[in-house]
Protein backbone atom coordinates (compact mmCIF):
# COMPACT_ATOMS: atom_id res chain seq x y z
CA UNK A 1 -1.78 14.94 14.03
CA UNK A 2 -4.18 12.02 14.34
CA UNK A 3 -1.73 9.15 14.78
CA UNK A 4 -2.57 6.70 17.54
CA UNK A 5 0.54 5.12 19.07
CA UNK A 6 0.40 1.57 20.58
CA UNK A 7 3.44 -0.01 22.22
CA UNK A 8 4.02 -3.33 24.10
CA UNK A 9 2.52 -1.82 27.39
CA UNK A 10 -0.69 -0.62 25.76
CA UNK A 11 -3.85 -2.70 26.51
CA UNK A 12 -4.68 -2.95 22.59
CA UNK A 13 -1.07 -4.08 21.75
CA UNK A 14 -1.62 -7.84 21.31
CA UNK A 15 -4.82 -7.19 19.21
CA UNK A 16 -3.31 -4.48 17.18
CA UNK A 17 -0.09 -6.36 16.20
CA UNK A 18 -1.84 -9.28 14.74
CA UNK A 19 -2.04 -9.78 11.14
CA UNK A 20 -4.27 -12.01 8.86
CA UNK A 21 -1.41 -14.37 8.15
CA UNK A 22 -1.00 -15.85 11.72
CA UNK A 23 2.35 -17.53 10.80
CA UNK A 24 3.93 -14.08 11.14
CA UNK A 25 3.52 -13.45 14.90
CA UNK A 26 5.86 -10.49 15.31
CA UNK A 27 6.40 -8.02 18.12
CA UNK A 28 6.83 -4.44 16.84
CA UNK A 29 8.37 -1.81 19.17
CA UNK A 30 5.46 0.50 18.13
CA UNK A 31 2.22 0.56 16.00
CA UNK A 32 1.36 3.90 14.55
CA UNK A 33 -2.27 3.98 13.45
CA UNK A 34 -2.23 6.72 10.85
CA UNK A 35 -5.34 8.83 9.89
CA UNK A 36 -3.67 11.17 7.44
CA UNK A 37 -0.60 11.48 5.13
CA UNK A 38 0.95 13.85 7.65
CA UNK A 39 0.82 10.98 10.19
CA UNK A 40 2.66 8.69 7.81
CA UNK A 41 5.23 11.46 7.23
CA UNK A 42 5.69 11.88 10.93
CA UNK A 43 5.83 8.17 11.50
CA UNK A 44 8.60 7.54 8.72
CA UNK A 45 10.64 10.44 10.07
CA UNK A 46 10.32 9.16 13.58
CA UNK A 47 11.41 5.64 12.38
CA UNK A 48 14.42 7.16 10.66
CA UNK A 49 15.47 9.10 13.63
CA UNK A 50 15.13 6.00 15.94
CA UNK A 51 16.77 3.64 13.60
CA UNK A 52 13.71 1.52 13.48
CA UNK A 53 12.78 -0.87 10.59
CA UNK A 54 9.49 0.08 9.09
CA UNK A 55 6.69 -2.39 7.96
CA UNK A 56 3.52 -0.75 6.33
CA UNK A 57 0.25 -2.47 6.96
CA UNK A 58 -2.84 -1.90 4.86
CA UNK A 59 -4.97 -4.98 5.22
CA UNK A 60 -2.27 -7.16 6.85
CA UNK A 61 -2.58 -9.93 4.32
CA UNK A 62 1.09 -10.10 3.20
CA UNK A 63 1.97 -13.66 2.63
CA UNK A 64 5.71 -13.11 3.29
CA UNK A 65 5.09 -11.01 6.43
CA UNK A 66 5.71 -7.63 4.96
CA UNK A 67 2.94 -5.91 7.00
CA UNK A 68 4.62 -6.57 10.37
CA UNK A 69 7.99 -6.40 11.89
CA UNK A 70 9.92 -7.41 15.09
CA UNK A 71 11.36 -4.41 17.12
CA UNK A 72 10.47 -1.92 14.45
CA UNK A 73 7.52 0.27 13.80
CA UNK A 74 4.31 -0.82 11.91
CA UNK A 75 2.70 2.05 10.11
CA UNK A 76 -0.78 0.98 10.07
CA UNK A 77 -2.89 2.76 7.40
CA UNK A 78 -6.29 1.74 8.82
CA UNK A 79 -7.31 5.44 9.18
CA UNK A 80 -6.69 6.10 5.41
CA UNK A 81 -9.58 3.86 3.85
CA UNK A 82 -11.20 6.70 1.83
CA UNK A 83 -12.15 5.84 -1.79
CA UNK A 84 -13.57 8.29 -4.54
CA UNK A 85 -14.60 7.64 -8.10
CA UNK A 86 -14.74 9.90 -11.10
CA UNK A 87 -17.22 7.99 -13.25
CA UNK A 88 -16.78 10.49 -16.25
CA UNK A 89 -12.97 9.49 -16.46
CA UNK A 90 -13.63 6.02 -15.07
CA UNK A 91 -10.94 6.57 -12.43
CA UNK A 92 -11.06 5.24 -8.73
CA UNK A 93 -8.77 6.81 -6.22
CA UNK A 94 -8.05 4.69 -3.06
CA UNK A 95 -6.15 5.74 0.03
CA UNK A 96 -3.26 3.45 1.22
CA UNK A 97 -5.35 1.67 3.77
CA UNK A 98 -8.40 1.06 1.53
CA UNK A 99 -9.47 -2.60 1.52
CA UNK A 100 -10.91 -4.34 -1.52
CA UNK A 101 -14.38 -4.30 -0.08
CA UNK A 102 -14.09 -0.45 0.12
CA UNK A 103 -12.92 -0.28 -3.56
CA UNK A 104 -15.57 -2.88 -4.78
CA UNK A 105 -18.60 -0.97 -3.10
CA UNK A 106 -17.26 2.38 -4.52
CA UNK A 107 -16.73 1.21 -7.97
CA UNK A 108 -20.05 -0.82 -8.19
CA UNK A 109 -22.10 2.35 -7.29
CA UNK A 110 -20.98 3.58 -10.68
CA UNK A 111 -21.36 0.26 -12.47
CA UNK A 112 -17.57 -0.18 -12.61
CA UNK A 113 -15.28 -2.99 -11.50
CA UNK A 114 -11.60 -3.00 -10.48
CA UNK A 115 -9.64 -6.03 -11.47
CA UNK A 116 -8.51 -7.26 -8.05
CA UNK A 117 -8.39 -10.07 -5.55
CA UNK A 118 -11.11 -11.95 -4.01
CA UNK A 119 -10.94 -11.37 -0.35
CA UNK A 120 -12.75 -8.30 0.68
CA UNK A 121 -10.48 -7.42 3.82
CA UNK A 122 -7.21 -7.41 1.66
CA UNK A 123 -5.42 -4.17 1.44
CA UNK A 124 -5.71 -2.72 -2.17
CA UNK A 125 -2.21 -1.00 -1.89
CA UNK A 126 -0.26 -4.19 -1.06
CA UNK A 127 -2.39 -6.24 -3.57
CA UNK A 128 -1.77 -3.67 -6.33
CA UNK A 129 1.85 -3.32 -5.75
CA UNK A 130 2.26 -7.05 -5.59
CA UNK A 131 0.56 -7.47 -8.95
CA UNK A 132 -3.01 -8.06 -8.11
CA UNK A 133 -4.19 -11.45 -9.22
CA UNK A 134 -8.00 -11.95 -9.25
CA UNK A 135 -10.99 -13.47 -10.91
CA UNK A 136 -11.16 -10.75 -13.58
CA UNK A 137 -7.44 -10.81 -14.71
CA UNK A 138 -8.06 -12.95 -17.74
CA UNK A 139 -10.23 -10.17 -19.20
CA UNK A 140 -8.89 -6.97 -17.54
CA UNK A 141 -5.21 -7.91 -16.57
CA UNK A 142 -3.69 -7.65 -13.25
CA UNK A 143 -4.63 -4.81 -10.89
CA UNK A 144 -1.14 -3.26 -11.40
CA UNK A 145 -1.95 -3.03 -15.09
CA UNK A 146 -4.67 -0.53 -14.29
CA UNK A 147 -2.49 1.65 -11.94
CA UNK A 148 -2.24 5.35 -13.22
CA UNK A 149 -0.28 6.98 -10.34
CA UNK A 150 0.85 6.56 -6.82
CA UNK A 151 1.11 9.16 -4.07
CA UNK A 152 3.66 7.88 -1.58
CA UNK A 153 5.91 8.75 1.39
CA UNK A 154 9.55 8.25 0.56
CA UNK A 155 12.03 6.68 3.13
CA UNK A 156 13.18 10.39 3.62
CA UNK A 157 9.57 11.41 4.66
CA UNK A 158 8.84 13.20 1.49
CA UNK A 159 5.46 13.05 -0.27
CA UNK A 160 5.77 12.46 -4.02
CA UNK A 161 3.66 11.34 -6.95
CA UNK A 162 4.87 8.81 -9.37
CA UNK A 163 3.19 8.26 -12.70
CA UNK A 164 4.22 7.96 -16.31
CA UNK A 165 5.00 11.68 -16.41
CA UNK A 166 6.02 12.29 -12.74
CA UNK A 167 8.91 10.43 -11.28
CA UNK A 168 8.56 7.77 -14.16
CA UNK A 169 11.59 5.76 -12.88
CA UNK A 170 9.85 5.35 -9.44
CA UNK A 171 6.44 4.52 -11.08
CA UNK A 172 8.16 1.98 -13.36
CA UNK A 173 9.91 0.41 -10.26
CA UNK A 174 6.59 0.41 -8.20
CA UNK A 175 4.93 -1.47 -11.16
CA UNK A 176 7.59 -4.10 -11.00
CA UNK A 177 10.34 -2.60 -13.24
CA UNK A 178 11.72 -5.43 -15.55
CA UNK A 179 13.47 -8.75 -15.53
CA UNK A 180 16.75 -6.88 -16.48
CA UNK A 181 18.12 -5.53 -13.24
CA UNK A 182 19.82 -2.25 -13.16
CA UNK A 183 17.76 -0.92 -16.23
CA UNK A 184 15.57 2.08 -16.10
CA UNK A 185 12.65 3.04 -18.43
CA UNK A 186 15.17 5.24 -20.42
CA UNK A 187 17.79 2.68 -20.89
CA UNK A 188 18.24 0.66 -24.11
CA UNK A 189 17.42 -2.62 -22.28
CA UNK A 190 14.11 -1.38 -20.79
CA UNK A 191 10.91 -2.79 -22.20
CA UNK A 192 9.38 -0.43 -24.72
CA UNK A 193 5.71 -1.75 -24.77
């Protein structure tokens, strides 16, 4: 396990608990700096066992403050910033802690671009799942429109892949679901296009 734990008594606590949006000055009980998916699984399971609220932090840019929490655990994905590109398939894979700058550099090496935000230290996962508004959206759509699949850790601590063919209901929900609450992609009220 490569997780680095930082609590209120740790000398790095005040630095590590800060997020970009300074109006969210929260004091988590624990910050788990994860370096692998196994670390994330262990952190989620620990939070469940201890009854701690979870906040996940990629870049820490969440305007509503979703990347931090009082008295809970912040699962910091700063050790999961890998990005790989398959130029033949024109597919980019980014780990949960990757920042837009990481994605831009990897894509540009292959003459590609990802429709995303404009601030290089924004977390790509949060931006994508929040829609992904950026300068290229008029031509290429929102970042979420290009999402093919997501590997995630569930609240139960299980690793699953969600895509159009695997866990399609979850993938549909991650992509924003629909304005009709309670419908699923297989229901008659779900969008068909």
